[in-house]
């Protein structure tokens, strides 16, 4: 399968935030990640790079709260 993984850089290291990412929606200042298995996670961050060859999504400017509670859309 060609699903993606989302990473953020912390303290110089790449940290895995989410696996099996099937889609991303932009809602206000949040990214809503949806996985193949129906899980939804909102993240306060911006996309730095998407690498289609390695199926990797690199995030930056991870906001306060970072990865928000599962299956929750924020208004």
N, C-alpha and C. Protein backbone atom coordinates (compact mmCIF):
# COMPACT_ATOMS: atom_id res chain seq x y z
N UNK A 1 0.84 -1.19 0.00
CA UNK A 1 0.00 0.00 0.00
C UNK A 1 0.88 1.24 0.00
N UNK A 2 0.33 2.32 -0.49
CA UNK A 2 1.08 3.57 -0.60
C UNK A 2 0.52 4.63 0.34
N UNK A 3 0.45 4.32 1.61
CA UNK A 3 -0.03 5.28 2.59
C UNK A 3 1.17 6.01 3.18
N UNK A 4 0.91 7.15 3.78
CA UNK A 4 1.99 8.00 4.26
C UNK A 4 2.12 7.98 5.77
N UNK A 5 3.26 8.49 6.21
CA UNK A 5 3.54 8.69 7.63
C UNK A 5 3.80 10.18 7.83
N UNK A 6 3.31 10.72 8.95
CA UNK A 6 3.52 12.13 9.27
C UNK A 6 4.56 12.24 10.37
N UNK A 7 5.53 13.14 10.15
CA UNK A 7 6.62 13.34 11.09
C UNK A 7 6.73 14.81 11.47
N UNK A 8 7.31 15.05 12.64
CA UNK A 8 7.67 16.40 13.07
C UNK A 8 9.09 16.33 13.62
N UNK A 9 9.83 17.41 13.46
CA UNK A 9 11.19 17.45 13.97
C UNK A 9 11.17 18.05 15.37
N UNK A 10 11.71 17.30 16.35
CA UNK A 10 11.80 17.78 17.73
C UNK A 10 13.21 17.51 18.25
N UNK A 11 13.81 18.54 18.80
CA UNK A 11 15.16 18.42 19.35
C UNK A 11 16.13 17.80 18.36
N UNK A 12 15.98 18.15 17.09
CA UNK A 12 16.87 17.65 16.05
C UNK A 12 16.56 16.25 15.56
N UNK A 13 15.58 15.60 16.16
CA UNK A 13 15.21 14.24 15.75
C UNK A 13 13.85 14.24 15.06
N UNK A 14 13.67 13.30 14.16
CA UNK A 14 12.39 13.14 13.47
C UNK A 14 11.50 12.24 14.32
N UNK A 15 10.33 12.74 14.67
CA UNK A 15 9.39 11.99 15.52
C UNK A 15 8.15 11.63 14.71
N UNK A 16 7.78 10.37 14.73
CA UNK A 16 6.60 9.90 14.03
C UNK A 16 5.34 10.33 14.78
N UNK A 17 4.44 11.01 14.09
CA UNK A 17 3.18 11.43 14.69
C UNK A 17 2.03 10.50 14.32
N UNK A 18 2.00 10.05 13.07
CA UNK A 18 0.85 9.28 12.60
C UNK A 18 1.26 8.39 11.44
N UNK A 19 0.71 7.18 11.42
CA UNK A 19 0.97 6.24 10.33
C UNK A 19 -0.32 6.01 9.54
N UNK A 20 -0.18 5.42 8.37
CA UNK A 20 -1.31 5.03 7.52
C UNK A 20 -2.20 6.21 7.13
N UNK A 21 -1.58 7.37 6.87
CA UNK A 21 -2.33 8.56 6.49
C UNK A 21 -2.84 8.39 5.06
N UNK A 22 -4.16 8.50 4.90
CA UNK A 22 -4.79 8.36 3.59
C UNK A 22 -5.16 9.72 3.00
N UNK A 23 -5.46 10.72 3.86
CA UNK A 23 -5.81 12.05 3.36
C UNK A 23 -5.56 13.11 4.42
N UNK A 24 -5.45 14.36 3.95
CA UNK A 24 -5.28 15.51 4.84
C UNK A 24 -6.25 16.60 4.38
N UNK A 25 -6.98 17.16 5.34
CA UNK A 25 -7.83 18.32 5.08
C UNK A 25 -7.29 19.49 5.88
N UNK A 26 -7.45 20.69 5.36
CA UNK A 26 -7.05 21.89 6.08
C UNK A 26 -8.30 22.56 6.62
N UNK A 27 -8.31 22.74 7.93
CA UNK A 27 -9.44 23.39 8.61
C UNK A 27 -8.88 24.51 9.46
N UNK A 28 -9.14 25.75 9.07
CA UNK A 28 -8.61 26.92 9.77
C UNK A 28 -7.09 26.78 9.87
N UNK A 29 -6.55 26.76 11.06
CA UNK A 29 -5.10 26.65 11.23
C UNK A 29 -4.70 25.24 11.66
N UNK A 30 -5.54 24.26 11.34
CA UNK A 30 -5.29 22.87 11.72
C UNK A 30 -5.27 21.97 10.49
N UNK A 31 -4.54 20.89 10.60
CA UNK A 31 -4.54 19.85 9.58
C UNK A 31 -5.31 18.66 10.15
N UNK A 32 -6.26 18.16 9.39
CA UNK A 32 -7.04 17.00 9.82
C UNK A 32 -6.57 15.80 9.01
N UNK A 33 -5.87 14.89 9.69
CA UNK A 33 -5.36 13.68 9.06
C UNK A 33 -6.39 12.56 9.21
N UNK A 34 -6.61 11.83 8.13
CA UNK A 34 -7.50 10.66 8.15
C UNK A 34 -6.69 9.45 7.73
N UNK A 35 -6.81 8.38 8.49
CA UNK A 35 -6.07 7.16 8.17
C UNK A 35 -6.95 6.20 7.38
N UNK A 36 -6.31 5.19 6.85
CA UNK A 36 -7.01 4.15 6.10
C UNK A 36 -8.07 3.48 6.97
N UNK A 37 -7.83 3.44 8.27
CA UNK A 37 -8.73 2.74 9.19
C UNK A 37 -9.79 3.64 9.80
N UNK A 38 -9.93 4.88 9.28
CA UNK A 38 -10.98 5.78 9.71
C UNK A 38 -10.63 6.67 10.90
N UNK A 39 -9.44 6.53 11.44
CA UNK A 39 -9.03 7.38 12.55
C UNK A 39 -8.80 8.80 12.04
N UNK A 40 -9.22 9.79 12.81
CA UNK A 40 -9.01 11.19 12.46
C UNK A 40 -8.22 11.86 13.57
N UNK A 41 -7.20 12.63 13.19
CA UNK A 41 -6.41 13.36 14.18
C UNK A 41 -6.19 14.77 13.66
N UNK A 42 -6.44 15.75 14.50
CA UNK A 42 -6.19 17.15 14.16
C UNK A 42 -4.84 17.55 14.72
N UNK A 43 -4.10 18.31 13.92
CA UNK A 43 -2.77 18.76 14.33
C UNK A 43 -2.65 20.25 14.05
N UNK A 44 -2.19 20.99 15.05
CA UNK A 44 -1.90 22.41 14.85
C UNK A 44 -0.46 22.49 14.36
N UNK A 45 -0.29 22.57 13.04
CA UNK A 45 1.05 22.61 12.43
C UNK A 45 0.91 23.05 10.99
N UNK A 46 2.04 23.21 10.34
CA UNK A 46 2.04 23.47 8.90
C UNK A 46 2.90 22.42 8.21
N UNK A 47 2.59 22.17 6.95
CA UNK A 47 3.33 21.18 6.18
C UNK A 47 4.61 21.82 5.66
N UNK A 48 5.75 21.21 5.95
CA UNK A 48 7.03 21.68 5.46
C UNK A 48 7.36 21.02 4.13
N UNK A 49 7.06 19.71 4.03
CA UNK A 49 7.42 18.96 2.83
C UNK A 49 6.58 17.70 2.75
N UNK A 50 6.25 17.30 1.53
CA UNK A 50 5.65 16.00 1.27
C UNK A 50 6.56 15.29 0.27
N UNK A 51 7.01 14.11 0.64
CA UNK A 51 7.87 13.31 -0.23
C UNK A 51 7.04 12.13 -0.73
N UNK A 52 6.64 12.17 -1.97
CA UNK A 52 5.78 11.14 -2.53
C UNK A 52 6.52 9.81 -2.74
N UNK A 53 7.82 9.87 -2.92
CA UNK A 53 8.60 8.65 -3.13
C UNK A 53 8.67 7.83 -1.84
N UNK A 54 8.91 8.51 -0.71
CA UNK A 54 9.03 7.80 0.57
C UNK A 54 7.72 7.81 1.36
N UNK A 55 6.67 8.41 0.80
CA UNK A 55 5.36 8.48 1.45
C UNK A 55 5.46 9.14 2.83
N UNK A 56 6.19 10.26 2.87
CA UNK A 56 6.43 10.95 4.12
C UNK A 56 5.90 12.37 4.07
N UNK A 57 5.30 12.80 5.18
CA UNK A 57 4.79 14.16 5.34
C UNK A 57 5.56 14.76 6.51
N UNK A 58 6.25 15.88 6.26
CA UNK A 58 7.05 16.52 7.29
C UNK A 58 6.36 17.81 7.72
N UNK A 59 6.14 17.93 9.02
CA UNK A 59 5.43 19.07 9.58
C UNK A 59 6.40 19.99 10.32
N UNK A 60 6.00 21.26 10.44
CA UNK A 60 6.77 22.22 11.23
C UNK A 60 5.79 23.14 11.96
N UNK A 61 6.34 23.98 12.81
CA UNK A 61 5.53 24.93 13.57
C UNK A 61 4.43 24.24 14.35
N UNK A 62 4.77 23.12 14.96
CA UNK A 62 3.80 22.39 15.76
C UNK A 62 3.33 23.31 16.88
N UNK A 63 2.03 23.63 16.86
CA UNK A 63 1.48 24.57 17.81
C UNK A 63 1.31 23.99 19.20
N UNK A 64 0.95 24.86 20.12
CA UNK A 64 0.70 24.42 21.49
C UNK A 64 -0.42 23.38 21.46
N UNK A 65 -0.22 22.30 22.12
CA UNK A 65 -1.20 21.22 22.09
C UNK A 65 -0.86 20.18 21.04
N UNK A 66 -0.11 20.60 19.99
CA UNK A 66 0.36 19.67 18.97
C UNK A 66 -0.70 18.76 18.42
N UNK A 67 -0.55 17.48 18.67
CA UNK A 67 -1.49 16.47 18.22
C UNK A 67 -2.71 16.52 19.13
N UNK A 68 -3.86 16.81 18.58
CA UNK A 68 -5.07 16.99 19.36
C UNK A 68 -5.78 15.66 19.57
N UNK A 69 -6.74 15.58 20.48
CA UNK A 69 -7.42 14.31 20.79
C UNK A 69 -7.95 13.60 19.55
N UNK A 70 -7.99 12.28 19.63
CA UNK A 70 -8.47 11.45 18.53
C UNK A 70 -9.90 11.77 18.17
N UNK A 71 -10.19 11.62 16.85
CA UNK A 71 -11.55 11.73 16.33
C UNK A 71 -12.25 13.00 16.78
N UNK A 72 -11.53 14.11 16.76
CA UNK A 72 -12.13 15.37 17.21
C UNK A 72 -11.83 16.46 16.20
N UNK A 73 -12.85 17.09 15.68
CA UNK A 73 -12.71 18.25 14.82
C UNK A 73 -12.86 19.48 15.69
N UNK A 74 -11.98 20.43 15.48
CA UNK A 74 -12.04 21.63 16.29
C UNK A 74 -12.62 22.78 15.47
N UNK A 75 -13.36 23.63 16.10
CA UNK A 75 -13.93 24.80 15.41
C UNK A 75 -13.15 26.03 15.79
